[in-house]
Amino acid sequence: MQYFVETPTEAKSVRRTDERQYFSFADSANQFARLTNAAVGRQLDAILVRMPAGQPPSEVTTHAGEEFLYVLRGQISLSLEGNTFVLDPGDSAHFESTVPHGWANATNEETVIVWVGTPRLF
């Protein structure tokens, strides 16, 4: 039966903290670490984002899908369609990615968030 049904394994289902690798993009000081595995056909991505203090706000963007943010530490200023929301630790936001959106670290310390969204190419 197992031949016909793919069963979950640790390698496919679990991400260990000691295996976490951070990456960044040339135009950003933010550090990103994948919390989900890059499985073919996945419906969502979860990424840990470390945002240093003093970085300029991200550009306002839109794309297909939806997003969820959860603030672990620090504070972010979230822009949605020209409205600004300040999110503190424990706060979250969920929105359609087609809504113009951007974010910034709103403190003079590192901010850490969990971002979950529809997979896309960065």
PDB file of N, CA and C in Angstrom:
ATOM      1  N   MET A   1       0.824  -1.205   0.000  1.00  0.00           N
ATOM      2  CA  MET A   1       0.000   0.000   0.000  1.00  0.00           C
ATOM      3  C   MET A   1       0.859   1.256   0.000  1.00  0.00           C
ATOM      4  N   GLN A   2       1.960   1.232   0.736  1.00  0.00           N
ATOM      5  CA  GLN A   2       2.818   2.395   0.826  1.00  0.00           C
ATOM      6  C   GLN A   2       3.395   2.771  -0.539  1.00  0.00           C
ATOM      7  N   TYR A   3       3.498   1.833  -1.428  1.00  0.00           N
ATOM      8  CA  TYR A   3       3.977   2.087  -2.779  1.00  0.00           C
ATOM      9  C   TYR A   3       3.077   3.092  -3.497  1.00  0.00           C
ATOM     10  N   PHE A   4       1.760   3.021  -3.246  1.00  0.00           N
ATOM     11  CA  PHE A   4       0.794   3.882  -3.928  1.00  0.00           C
ATOM     12  C   PHE A   4       0.526   5.197  -3.198  1.00  0.00           C
ATOM     13  N   VAL A   5       0.769   5.237  -1.902  1.00  0.00           N
ATOM     14  CA  VAL A   5       0.487   6.419  -1.099  1.00  0.00           C
ATOM     15  C   VAL A   5       1.794   6.929  -0.492  1.00  0.00           C
ATOM     16  N   GLU A   6       2.130   8.160  -0.791  1.00  0.00           N
ATOM     17  CA  GLU A   6       3.348   8.741  -0.241  1.00  0.00           C
ATOM     18  C   GLU A   6       3.098   9.121   1.213  1.00  0.00           C
ATOM     19  N   THR A   7       3.868   8.576   2.111  1.00  0.00           N
ATOM     20  CA  THR A   7       3.692   8.862   3.530  1.00  0.00           C
ATOM     21  C   THR A   7       4.648   9.964   3.962  1.00  0.00           C
ATOM     22  N   PRO A   8       4.222  10.791   4.927  1.00  0.00           N
ATOM     23  CA  PRO A   8       5.096  11.856   5.411  1.00  0.00           C
ATOM     24  C   PRO A   8       6.336  11.272   6.091  1.00  0.00           C
ATOM     25  N   THR A   9       7.462  11.922   5.884  1.00  0.00           N
ATOM     26  CA  THR A   9       8.694  11.573   6.571  1.00  0.00           C
ATOM     27  C   THR A   9       9.224  12.830   7.228  1.00  0.00           C
ATOM     28  N   GLU A  10      10.157  12.670   8.160  1.00  0.00           N
ATOM     29  CA  GLU A  10      10.725  13.849   8.803  1.00  0.00           C
ATOM     30  C   GLU A  10      11.371  14.768   7.775  1.00  0.00           C
ATOM     31  N   ALA A  11      12.075  14.203   6.812  1.00  0.00           N
ATOM     32  CA  ALA A  11      12.755  15.019   5.802  1.00  0.00           C
ATOM     33  C   ALA A  11      11.779  15.862   4.988  1.00  0.00           C
ATOM     34  N   LYS A  12      10.574  15.371   4.784  1.00  0.00           N
ATOM     35  CA  LYS A  12       9.575  16.106   4.002  1.00  0.00           C
ATOM     36  C   LYS A  12       8.700  17.017   4.861  1.00  0.00           C
ATOM     37  N   SER A  13       8.583  16.720   6.158  1.00  0.00           N
ATOM     38  CA  SER A  13       7.591  17.388   6.993  1.00  0.00           C
ATOM     39  C   SER A  13       8.152  18.279   8.088  1.00  0.00           C
ATOM     40  N   VAL A  14       9.385  18.070   8.511  1.00  0.00           N
ATOM     41  CA  VAL A  14       9.927  18.743   9.689  1.00  0.00           C
ATOM     42  C   VAL A  14      11.120  19.611   9.317  1.00  0.00           C
ATOM     43  N   ARG A  15      11.166  20.813   9.861  1.00  0.00           N
ATOM     44  CA  ARG A  15      12.335  21.692   9.715  1.00  0.00           C
ATOM     45  C   ARG A  15      12.945  21.864  11.099  1.00  0.00           C
ATOM     46  N   ARG A  16      14.183  21.494  11.276  1.00  0.00           N
ATOM     47  CA  ARG A  16      14.890  21.590  12.554  1.00  0.00           C
ATOM     48  C   ARG A  16      15.601  22.937  12.666  1.00  0.00           C
ATOM     49  N   THR A  17      15.523  23.552  13.850  1.00  0.00           N
ATOM     50  CA  THR A  17      16.131  24.867  14.057  1.00  0.00           C
ATOM     51  C   THR A  17      17.630  24.868  13.809  1.00  0.00           C
ATOM     52  N   ASP A  18      18.319  23.779  14.135  1.00  0.00           N
ATOM     53  CA  ASP A  18      19.767  23.755  13.935  1.00  0.00           C
ATOM     54  C   ASP A  18      20.153  23.605  12.462  1.00  0.00           C
ATOM     55  N   GLU A  19      19.183  23.359  11.601  1.00  0.00           N
ATOM     56  CA  GLU A  19      19.426  23.269  10.160  1.00  0.00           C
ATOM     57  C   GLU A  19      18.984  24.539   9.423  1.00  0.00           C
ATOM     58  N   ARG A  20      18.487  25.513  10.174  1.00  0.00           N
ATOM     59  CA  ARG A  20      17.968  26.741   9.560  1.00  0.00           C
ATOM     60  C   ARG A  20      19.090  27.521   8.898  1.00  0.00           C
ATOM     61  N   GLN A  21      18.859  27.919   7.664  1.00  0.00           N
ATOM     62  CA  GLN A  21      19.823  28.718   6.921  1.00  0.00           C
ATOM     63  C   GLN A  21      19.155  30.019   6.498  1.00  0.00           C
ATOM     64  N   TYR A  22      19.807  31.122   6.810  1.00  0.00           N
ATOM     65  CA  TYR A  22      19.280  32.433   6.441  1.00  0.00           C
ATOM     66  C   TYR A  22      19.812  32.840   5.073  1.00  0.00           C
ATOM     67  N   PHE A  23      18.982  33.576   4.348  1.00  0.00           N
ATOM     68  CA  PHE A  23      19.385  34.122   3.063  1.00  0.00           C
ATOM     69  C   PHE A  23      18.883  35.555   2.997  1.00  0.00           C
ATOM     70  N   SER A  24      19.391  36.308   2.049  1.00  0.00           N
ATOM     71  CA  SER A  24      18.957  37.696   1.900  1.00  0.00           C
ATOM     72  C   SER A  24      18.943  38.046   0.422  1.00  0.00           C
ATOM     73  N   PHE A  25      18.471  39.227   0.131  1.00  0.00           N
ATOM     74  CA  PHE A  25      18.430  39.738  -1.228  1.00  0.00           C
ATOM     75  C   PHE A  25      19.329  40.968  -1.303  1.00  0.00           C
ATOM     76  N   ALA A  26      19.871  41.238  -2.466  1.00  0.00           N
ATOM     77  CA  ALA A  26      20.850  42.310  -2.641  1.00  0.00           C
ATOM     78  C   ALA A  26      20.334  43.679  -2.197  1.00  0.00           C
ATOM     79  N   ASP A  27      19.037  43.937  -2.365  1.00  0.00           N
ATOM     80  CA  ASP A  27      18.490  45.257  -2.060  1.00  0.00           C
ATOM     81  C   ASP A  27      17.889  45.352  -0.656  1.00  0.00           C
ATOM     82  N   SER A  28      18.167  44.379   0.228  1.00  0.00           N
ATOM     83  CA  SER A  28      17.556  44.354   1.551  1.00  0.00           C
ATOM     84  C   SER A  28      18.540  43.840   2.595  1.00  0.00           C
ATOM     85  N   ALA A  29      18.496  44.436   3.789  1.00  0.00           N
ATOM     86  CA  ALA A  29      19.305  43.952   4.911  1.00  0.00           C
ATOM     87  C   ALA A  29      18.556  42.876   5.705  1.00  0.00           C
ATOM     88  N   ASN A  30      17.282  42.625   5.353  1.00  0.00           N
ATOM     89  CA  ASN A  30      16.508  41.594   6.042  1.00  0.00           C
ATOM     90  C   ASN A  30      17.139  40.228   5.832  1.00  0.00           C
ATOM     91  N   GLN A  31      16.999  39.358   6.824  1.00  0.00           N
ATOM     92  CA  GLN A  31      17.441  37.978   6.743  1.00  0.00           C
ATOM     93  C   GLN A  31      16.195  37.096   6.740  1.00  0.00           C
ATOM     94  N   PHE A  32      16.162  36.100   5.869  1.00  0.00           N
ATOM     95  CA  PHE A  32      15.013  35.218   5.704  1.00  0.00           C
ATOM     96  C   PHE A  32      15.440  33.776   5.942  1.00  0.00           C
ATOM     97  N   ALA A  33      14.588  33.004   6.621  1.00  0.00           N
ATOM     98  CA  ALA A  33      14.843  31.574   6.812  1.00  0.00           C
ATOM     99  C   ALA A  33      13.546  30.820   6.548  1.00  0.00           C
ATOM    100  N   ARG A  34      13.627  29.837   5.681  1.00  0.00           N
ATOM    101  CA  ARG A  34      12.466  29.032   5.321  1.00  0.00           C
ATOM    102  C   ARG A  34      12.038  28.163   6.510  1.00  0.00           C
ATOM    103  N   LEU A  35      10.759  28.211   6.865  1.00  0.00           N
ATOM    104  CA  LEU A  35      10.207  27.364   7.928  1.00  0.00           C
ATOM    105  C   LEU A  35       9.467  26.166   7.355  1.00  0.00           C
ATOM    106  N   THR A  36       9.182  26.210   6.075  1.00  0.00           N
ATOM    107  CA  THR A  36       8.519  25.105   5.388  1.00  0.00           C
ATOM    108  C   THR A  36       9.481  24.510   4.371  1.00  0.00           C
ATOM    109  N   ASN A  37       9.236  23.276   4.013  1.00  0.00           N
ATOM    110  CA  ASN A  37      10.042  22.628   2.983  1.00  0.00           C
ATOM    111  C   ASN A  37       9.557  23.061   1.610  1.00  0.00           C
ATOM    112  N   ALA A  38      10.445  23.075   0.660  1.00  0.00           N
ATOM    113  CA  ALA A  38      10.116  23.519  -0.692  1.00  0.00           C
ATOM    114  C   ALA A  38       9.563  22.349  -1.510  1.00  0.00           C
ATOM    115  N   ALA A  39       8.438  21.829  -1.107  1.00  0.00           N
ATOM    116  CA  ALA A  39       7.816  20.698  -1.794  1.00  0.00           C
ATOM    117  C   ALA A  39       7.099  21.164  -3.059  1.00  0.00           C
ATOM    118  N   VAL A  40       7.147  20.341  -4.070  1.00  0.00           N
ATOM    119  CA  VAL A  40       6.449  20.637  -5.316  1.00  0.00           C
ATOM    120  C   VAL A  40       4.946  20.660  -5.044  1.00  0.00           C
ATOM    121  N   GLY A  41       4.248  21.652  -5.577  1.00  0.00           N
ATOM    122  CA  GLY A  41       2.802  21.736  -5.426  1.00  0.00           C
ATOM    123  C   GLY A  41       2.339  22.288  -4.093  1.00  0.00           C
ATOM    124  N   ARG A  42       3.251  22.833  -3.293  1.00  0.00           N
ATOM    125  CA  ARG A  42       2.846  23.357  -1.981  1.00  0.00           C
ATOM    126  C   ARG A  42       1.884  24.517  -2.151  1.00  0.00           C
ATOM    127  N   GLN A  43       1.045  24.716  -1.168  1.00  0.00           N
ATOM    128  CA  GLN A  43       0.029  25.760  -1.199  1.00  0.00           C
ATOM    129  C   GLN A  43       0.443  27.000  -0.408  1.00  0.00           C
ATOM    130  N   LEU A  44       1.480  26.868   0.454  1.00  0.00           N
ATOM    131  CA  LEU A  44       1.919  28.017   1.234  1.00  0.00           C
ATOM    132  C   LEU A  44       3.399  27.912   1.567  1.00  0.00           C
ATOM    133  N   ASP A  45       3.980  29.067   1.871  1.00  0.00           N
ATOM    134  CA  ASP A  45       5.344  29.184   2.359  1.00  0.00           C
ATOM    135  C   ASP A  45       5.278  29.842   3.723  1.00  0.00           C
ATOM    136  N   ALA A  46       6.160  29.436   4.632  1.00  0.00           N
ATOM    137  CA  ALA A  46       6.318  30.117   5.923  1.00  0.00           C
ATOM    138  C   ALA A  46       7.783  30.492   6.047  1.00  0.00           C
ATOM    139  N   ILE A  47       8.024  31.751   6.354  1.00  0.00           N
ATOM    140  CA  ILE A  47       9.389  32.268   6.415  1.00  0.00           C
ATOM    141  C   ILE A  47       9.558  33.105   7.675  1.00  0.00           C
ATOM    142  N   LEU A  48      10.678  32.882   8.359  1.00  0.00           N
ATOM    143  CA  LEU A  48      11.060  33.701   9.493  1.00  0.00           C
ATOM    144  C   LEU A  48      11.838  34.882   8.940  1.00  0.00           C
ATOM    145  N   VAL A  49      11.432  36.101   9.305  1.00  0.00           N
ATOM    146  CA  VAL A  49      12.066  37.311   8.787  1.00  0.00           C
ATOM    147  C   VAL A  49      12.674  38.086   9.947  1.00  0.00           C
ATOM    148  N   ARG A  50      13.969  38.361   9.836  1.00  0.00           N
ATOM    149  CA  ARG A  50      14.682  39.188  10.811  1.00  0.00           C
ATOM    150  C   ARG A  50      14.962  40.525  10.148  1.00  0.00           C
ATOM    151  N   MET A  51      14.360  41.582  10.714  1.00  0.00           N
ATOM    152  CA  MET A  51      14.450  42.918  10.131  1.00  0.00           C
ATOM    153  C   MET A  51      15.306  43.813  11.033  1.00  0.00           C
ATOM    154  N   PRO A  52      16.503  44.206  10.590  1.00  0.00           N
ATOM    155  CA  PRO A  52      17.332  45.069  11.431  1.00  0.00           C
ATOM    156  C   PRO A  52      16.741  46.471  11.550  1.00  0.00           C
ATOM    157  N   ALA A  53      17.112  47.146  12.616  1.00  0.00           N
ATOM    158  CA  ALA A  53      16.673  48.531  12.811  1.00  0.00           C
ATOM    159  C   ALA A  53      17.305  49.419  11.744  1.00  0.00           C
ATOM    160  N   GLY A  54      16.610  50.478  11.390  1.00  0.00           N
ATOM    161  CA  GLY A  54      17.175  51.478  10.511  1.00  0.00           C
ATOM    162  C   GLY A  54      17.121  51.185   9.026  1.00  0.00           C
ATOM    163  N   GLN A  55      16.507  50.083   8.633  1.00  0.00           N
ATOM    164  CA  GLN A  55      16.407  49.796   7.211  1.00  0.00           C
ATOM    165  C   GLN A  55      15.234  50.568   6.622  1.00  0.00           C
ATOM    166  N   PRO A  56      15.378  51.098   5.410  1.00  0.00           N
ATOM    167  CA  PRO A  56      14.251  51.802   4.785  1.00  0.00           C
ATOM    168  C   PRO A  56      13.057  50.853   4.603  1.00  0.00           C
ATOM    169  N   PRO A  57      11.849  51.399   4.534  1.00  0.00           N
ATOM    170  CA  PRO A  57      10.660  50.558   4.312  1.00  0.00           C
ATOM    171  C   PRO A  57      10.760  49.792   2.995  1.00  0.00           C
ATOM    172  N   SER A  58      10.107  48.641   2.949  1.00  0.00           N
ATOM    173  CA  SER A  58      10.063  47.880   1.699  1.00  0.00           C
ATOM    174  C   SER A  58       9.254  48.669   0.674  1.00  0.00           C
ATOM    175  N   GLU A  59       9.426  48.328  -0.578  1.00  0.00           N
ATOM    176  CA  GLU A  59       8.601  48.969  -1.600  1.00  0.00           C
ATOM    177  C   GLU A  59       7.177  48.416  -1.504  1.00  0.00           C
ATOM    178  N   VAL A  60       6.223  49.234  -1.893  1.00  0.00           N
ATOM    179  CA  VAL A  60       4.832  48.798  -1.920  1.00  0.00           C
ATOM    180  C   VAL A  60       4.659  47.909  -3.141  1.00  0.00           C
ATOM    181  N   THR A  61       4.043  46.752  -2.944  1.00  0.00           N
ATOM    182  CA  THR A  61       3.944  45.769  -4.013  1.00  0.00           C
ATOM    183  C   THR A  61       2.567  45.114  -4.027  1.00  0.00           C
ATOM    184  N   THR A  62       2.266  44.440  -5.108  1.00  0.00           N
ATOM    185  CA  THR A  62       1.073  43.597  -5.220  1.00  0.00           C
ATOM    186  C   THR A  62       1.453  42.348  -6.001  1.00  0.00           C
ATOM    187  N   HIS A  63       0.734  41.275  -5.760  1.00  0.00           N
ATOM    188  CA  HIS A  63       0.917  40.021  -6.491  1.00  0.00           C
ATOM    189  C   HIS A  63      -0.248  39.108  -6.153  1.00  0.00           C
ATOM    190  N   ALA A  64      -0.351  38.004  -6.840  1.00  0.00           N
ATOM    191  CA  ALA A  64      -1.442  37.065  -6.600  1.00  0.00           C
ATOM    192  C   ALA A  64      -1.241  36.355  -5.260  1.00  0.00           C
ATOM    193  N   GLY A  65      -2.324  35.953  -4.619  1.00  0.00           N
ATOM    194  CA  GLY A  65      -2.253  35.153  -3.402  1.00  0.00           C
ATOM    195  C   GLY A  65      -2.726  35.892  -2.171  1.00  0.00           C
ATOM    196  N   GLU A  66      -2.296  35.399  -1.012  1.00  0.00           N
ATOM    197  CA  GLU A  66      -2.620  36.033   0.256  1.00  0.00           C
ATOM    198  C   GLU A  66      -1.437  35.900   1.196  1.00  0.00           C
ATOM    199  N   GLU A  67      -1.442  36.707   2.268  1.00  0.00           N
ATOM    200  CA  GLU A  67      -0.340  36.734   3.214  1.00  0.00           C
ATOM    201  C   GLU A  67      -0.855  36.805   4.645  1.00  0.00           C
ATOM    202  N   PHE A  68      -0.035  36.250   5.541  1.00  0.00           N
ATOM    203  CA  PHE A  68      -0.295  36.305   6.977  1.00  0.00           C
ATOM    204  C   PHE A  68       1.017  36.678   7.651  1.00  0.00           C
ATOM    205  N   LEU A  69       0.978  37.641   8.565  1.00  0.00           N
ATOM    206  CA  LEU A  69       2.152  38.068   9.326  1.00  0.00           C
ATOM    207  C   LEU A  69       1.870  37.900  10.810  1.00  0.00           C
ATOM    208  N   TYR A  70       2.882  37.460  11.557  1.00  0.00           N
ATOM    209  CA  TYR A  70       2.784  37.358  13.006  1.00  0.00           C
ATOM    210  C   TYR A  70       4.064  37.940  13.590  1.00  0.00           C
ATOM    211  N   VAL A  71       3.925  38.929  14.470  1.00  0.00           N
ATOM    212  CA  VAL A  71       5.090  39.592  15.055  1.00  0.00           C
ATOM    213  C   VAL A  71       5.537  38.830  16.302  1.00  0.00           C
ATOM    214  N   LEU A  72       6.785  38.357  16.267  1.00  0.00           N
ATOM    215  CA  LEU A  72       7.366  37.668  17.420  1.00  0.00           C
ATOM    216  C   LEU A  72       8.072  38.640  18.356  1.00  0.00           C
ATOM    217  N   ARG A  73       8.839  39.580  17.766  1.00  0.00           N
ATOM    218  CA  ARG A  73       9.626  40.518  18.564  1.00  0.00           C
ATOM    219  C   ARG A  73       9.743  41.824  17.790  1.00  0.00           C
ATOM    220  N   GLY A  74       9.717  42.926  18.519  1.00  0.00           N
ATOM    221  CA  GLY A  74       9.839  44.230  17.882  1.00  0.00           C
ATOM    222  C   GLY A  74       8.489  44.771  17.452  1.00  0.00           C
ATOM    223  N   GLN A  75       8.495  45.507  16.366  1.00  0.00           N
ATOM    224  CA  GLN A  75       7.276  46.171  15.902  1.00  0.00           C
ATOM    225  C   GLN A  75       7.412  46.441  14.414  1.00  0.00           C
ATOM    226  N   ILE A  76       6.349  46.214  13.664  1.00  0.00           N
ATOM    227  CA  ILE A  76       6.379  46.588  12.256  1.00  0.00           C
ATOM    228  C   ILE A  76       5.276  47.586  11.964  1.00  0.00           C
ATOM    229  N   SER A  77       5.556  48.382  10.969  1.00  0.00           N
ATOM    230  CA  SER A  77       4.587  49.307  10.428  1.00  0.00           C
ATOM    231  C   SER A  77       4.151  48.705   9.095  1.00  0.00           C
ATOM    232  N   LEU A  78       2.898  48.290   9.015  1.00  0.00           N
ATOM    233  CA  LEU A  78       2.358  47.617   7.836  1.00  0.00           C
ATOM    234  C   LEU A  78       1.476  48.583   7.065  1.00  0.00           C
ATOM    235  N   SER A  79       1.786  48.768   5.788  1.00  0.00           N
ATOM    236  CA  SER A  79       0.997  49.629   4.914  1.00  0.00           C
ATOM    237  C   SER A  79       0.109  48.751   4.044  1.00  0.00           C
ATOM    238  N   LEU A  80      -1.198  48.986   4.101  1.00  0.00           N
ATOM    239  CA  LEU A  80      -2.172  48.279   3.268  1.00  0.00           C
ATOM    240  C   LEU A  80      -3.059  49.308   2.587  1.00  0.00           C
ATOM    241  N   GLU A  81      -2.967  49.404   1.283  1.00  0.00           N
ATOM    242  CA  GLU A  81      -3.761  50.360   0.493  1.00  0.00           C
ATOM    243  C   GLU A  81      -3.692  51.770   1.049  1.00  0.00           C
ATOM    244  N   GLY A  82      -2.485  52.176   1.458  1.00  0.00           N
ATOM    245  CA  GLY A  82      -2.305  53.536   1.947  1.00  0.00           C
ATOM    246  C   GLY A  82      -2.627  53.732   3.415  1.00  0.00           C
ATOM    247  N   ASN A  83      -3.184  52.736   4.089  1.00  0.00           N
ATOM    248  CA  ASN A  83      -3.421  52.799   5.528  1.00  0.00           C
ATOM    249  C   ASN A  83      -2.250  52.153   6.244  1.00  0.00           C
ATOM    250  N   THR A  84      -1.841  52.734   7.380  1.00  0.00           N
ATOM    251  CA  THR A  84      -0.707  52.195   8.133  1.00  0.00           C
ATOM    252  C   THR A  84      -1.189  51.629   9.454  1.00  0.00           C
ATOM    253  N   PHE A  85      -0.712  50.407   9.748  1.00  0.00           N
ATOM    254  CA  PHE A  85      -1.047  49.712  10.984  1.00  0.00           C
ATOM    255  C   PHE A  85       0.252  49.366  11.699  1.00  0.00           C
ATOM    256  N   VAL A  86       0.355  49.690  12.981  1.00  0.00           N
ATOM    257  CA  VAL A  86       1.523  49.334  13.772  1.00  0.00           C
ATOM    258  C   VAL A  86       1.202  48.042  14.502  1.00  0.00           C
ATOM    259  N   LEU A  87       2.043  47.018  14.276  1.00  0.00           N
ATOM    260  CA  LEU A  87       1.831  45.699  14.873  1.00  0.00           C
ATOM    261  C   LEU A  87       2.923  45.429  15.905  1.00  0.00           C
ATOM    262  N   ASP A  88       2.501  45.053  17.107  1.00  0.00           N
ATOM    263  CA  ASP A  88       3.384  44.745  18.225  1.00  0.00           C
ATOM    264  C   ASP A  88       3.499  43.228  18.393  1.00  0.00           C
ATOM    265  N   PRO A  89       4.415  42.755  19.246  1.00  0.00           N
ATOM    266  CA  PRO A  89       4.527  41.309  19.473  1.00  0.00           C
ATOM    267  C   PRO A  89       3.171  40.681  19.818  1.00  0.00           C
ATOM    268  N   GLY A  90       2.859  39.591  19.147  1.00  0.00           N
ATOM    269  CA  GLY A  90       1.577  38.910  19.333  1.00  0.00           C
ATOM    270  C   GLY A  90       0.504  39.357  18.363  1.00  0.00           C
ATOM    271  N   ASP A  91       0.705  40.503  17.696  1.00  0.00           N
ATOM    272  CA  ASP A  91      -0.255  40.977  16.704  1.00  0.00           C
ATOM    273  C   ASP A  91      -0.037  40.238  15.384  1.00  0.00           C
ATOM    274  N   SER A  92      -1.088  40.175  14.589  1.00  0.00           N
ATOM    275  CA  SER A  92      -0.998  39.521  13.288  1.00  0.00           C
ATOM    276  C   SER A  92      -1.831  40.277  12.271  1.00  0.00           C
ATOM    277  N   ALA A  93      -1.605  39.968  11.010  1.00  0.00           N
ATOM    278  CA  ALA A  93      -2.381  40.550   9.915  1.00  0.00           C
ATOM    279  C   ALA A  93      -2.548  39.487   8.842  1.00  0.00           C
ATOM    280  N   HIS A  94      -3.699  39.499   8.175  1.00  0.00           N
ATOM    281  CA  HIS A  94      -4.000  38.560   7.090  1.00  0.00           C
ATOM    282  C   HIS A  94      -4.673  39.372   5.998  1.00  0.00           C
ATOM    283  N   PHE A  95      -4.142  39.308   4.768  1.00  0.00           N
ATOM    284  CA  PHE A  95      -4.691  40.132   3.700  1.00  0.00           C
ATOM    285  C   PHE A  95      -4.426  39.494   2.342  1.00  0.00           C
ATOM    286  N   GLU A  96      -5.201  39.897   1.365  1.00  0.00           N
ATOM    287  CA  GLU A  96      -4.994  39.481  -0.022  1.00  0.00           C
ATOM    288  C   GLU A  96      -3.760  40.209  -0.554  1.00  0.00           C
ATOM    289  N   SER A  97      -2.892  39.487  -1.220  1.00  0.00           N
ATOM    290  CA  SER A  97      -1.648  40.076  -1.733  1.00  0.00           C
ATOM    291  C   SER A  97      -1.880  41.027  -2.897  1.00  0.00           C
ATOM    292  N   THR A  98      -3.087  41.020  -3.448  1.00  0.00           N
ATOM    293  CA  THR A  98      -3.422  41.958  -4.516  1.00  0.00           C
ATOM    294  C   THR A  98      -3.623  43.372  -3.975  1.00  0.00           C
ATOM    295  N   VAL A  99      -3.754  43.510  -2.656  1.00  0.00           N
ATOM    296  CA  VAL A  99      -3.851  44.812  -2.010  1.00  0.00           C
ATOM    297  C   VAL A  99      -2.444  45.405  -1.949  1.00  0.00           C
ATOM    298  N   PRO A 100      -2.243  46.648  -2.393  1.00  0.00           N
ATOM    299  CA  PRO A 100      -0.909  47.251  -2.291  1.00  0.00           C
ATOM    300  C   PRO A 100      -0.427  47.229  -0.840  1.00  0.00           C
ATOM    301  N   HIS A 101       0.776  46.658  -0.630  1.00  0.00           N
ATOM    302  CA  HIS A 101       1.264  46.489   0.734  1.00  0.00           C
ATOM    303  C   HIS A 101       2.779  46.640   0.823  1.00  0.00           C
ATOM    304  N   GLY A 102       3.241  47.016   2.004  1.00  0.00           N
ATOM    305  CA  GLY A 102       4.665  47.146   2.299  1.00  0.00           C
ATOM    306  C   GLY A 102       4.837  47.167   3.805  1.00  0.00           C
ATOM    307  N   TRP A 103       6.081  47.028   4.276  1.00  0.00           N
ATOM    308  CA  TRP A 103       6.315  47.019   5.714  1.00  0.00           C
ATOM    309  C   TRP A 103       7.647  47.649   6.059  1.00  0.00           C
ATOM    310  N   ALA A 104       7.797  47.999   7.332  1.00  0.00           N
ATOM    311  CA  ALA A 104       9.054  48.559   7.828  1.00  0.00           C
ATOM    312  C   ALA A 104       9.193  48.199   9.295  1.00  0.00           C
ATOM    313  N   ASN A 105      10.432  48.096   9.745  1.00  0.00           N
ATOM    314  CA  ASN A 105      10.712  47.924  11.165  1.00  0.00           C
ATOM    315  C   ASN A 105      10.444  49.268  11.823  1.00  0.00           C
ATOM    316  N   ALA A 106       9.525  49.307  12.768  1.00  0.00           N
ATOM    317  CA  ALA A 106       9.110  50.563  13.388  1.00  0.00           C
ATOM    318  C   ALA A 106       9.846  50.839  14.701  1.00  0.00           C
ATOM    319  N   THR A 107      10.966  50.145  14.955  1.00  0.00           N
ATOM    320  CA  THR A 107      11.703  50.326  16.205  1.00  0.00           C
ATOM    321  C   THR A 107      13.181  50.564  15.924  1.00  0.00           C
ATOM    322  N   ASN A 108      13.934  50.806  16.986  1.00  0.00           N
ATOM    323  CA  ASN A 108      15.386  50.944  16.843  1.00  0.00           C
ATOM    324  C   ASN A 108      16.087  49.646  17.252  1.00  0.00           C
ATOM    325  N   GLU A 109      15.353  48.530  17.241  1.00  0.00           N
ATOM    326  CA  GLU A 109      15.882  47.199  17.528  1.00  0.00           C
ATOM    327  C   GLU A 109      15.455  46.247  16.422  1.00  0.00           C
ATOM    328  N   GLU A 110      16.068  45.068  16.383  1.00  0.00           N
ATOM    329  CA  GLU A 110      15.676  44.059  15.401  1.00  0.00           C
ATOM    330  C   GLU A 110      14.216  43.645  15.628  1.00  0.00           C
ATOM    331  N   THR A 111      13.497  43.478  14.544  1.00  0.00           N
ATOM    332  CA  THR A 111      12.134  42.956  14.584  1.00  0.00           C
ATOM    333  C   THR A 111      12.137  41.579  13.932  1.00  0.00           C
ATOM    334  N   VAL A 112      11.394  40.641  14.525  1.00  0.00           N
ATOM    335  CA  VAL A 112      11.314  39.288  13.993  1.00  0.00           C
ATOM    336  C   VAL A 112       9.850  38.947  13.762  1.00  0.00           C
ATOM    337  N   ILE A 113       9.524  38.517  12.547  1.00  0.00           N
ATOM    338  CA  ILE A 113       8.153  38.135  12.217  1.00  0.00           C
ATOM    339  C   ILE A 113       8.140  36.771  11.534  1.00  0.00           C
ATOM    340  N   VAL A 114       6.991  36.130  11.586  1.00  0.00           N
ATOM    341  CA  VAL A 114       6.731  34.947  10.771  1.00  0.00           C
ATOM    342  C   VAL A 114       5.818  35.401   9.648  1.00  0.00           C
ATOM    343  N   TRP A 115       6.240  35.161   8.419  1.00  0.00           N
ATOM    344  CA  TRP A 115       5.454  35.483   7.231  1.00  0.00           C
ATOM    345  C   TRP A 115       4.987  34.168   6.625  1.00  0.00           C
ATOM    346  N   VAL A 116       3.694  34.073   6.359  1.00  0.00           N
ATOM    347  CA  VAL A 116       3.127  32.895   5.686  1.00  0.00           C
ATOM    348  C   VAL A 116       2.343  33.411   4.490  1.00  0.00           C
ATOM    349  N   GLY A 117       2.582  32.809   3.334  1.00  0.00           N
ATOM    350  CA  GLY A 117       1.885  33.290   2.162  1.00  0.00           C
ATOM    351  C   GLY A 117       1.882  32.275   1.030  1.00  0.00           C
ATOM    352  N   THR A 118       1.167  32.647  -0.002  1.00  0.00           N
ATOM    353  CA  THR A 118       1.100  31.850  -1.210  1.00  0.00           C
ATOM    354  C   THR A 118       2.472  31.859  -1.860  1.00  0.00           C
ATOM    355  N   PRO A 119       2.999  30.703  -2.245  1.00  0.00           N
ATOM    356  CA  PRO A 119       4.339  30.663  -2.844  1.00  0.00           C
ATOM    357  C   PRO A 119       4.440  31.548  -4.077  1.00  0.00           C
ATOM    358  N   ARG A 120       5.571  32.218  -4.190  1.00  0.00           N
ATOM    359  CA  ARG A 120       5.852  33.059  -5.346  1.00  0.00           C
ATOM    360  C   ARG A 120       7.360  33.160  -5.478  1.00  0.00           C
ATOM    361  N   LEU A 121       7.802  33.601  -6.607  1.00  0.00           N
ATOM    362  CA  LEU A 121       9.223  33.855  -6.785  1.00  0.00           C
ATOM    363  C   LEU A 121       9.532  35.222  -6.244  1.00  0.00           C
ATOM    364  N   PHE A 122      10.560  35.322  -5.447  1.00  0.00           N
ATOM    365  CA  PHE A 122      10.926  36.617  -4.837  1.00  0.00           C
ATOM    366  C   PHE A 122      11.637  37.489  -5.827  1.00  0.00           C
TER     367      PHE A 122
END
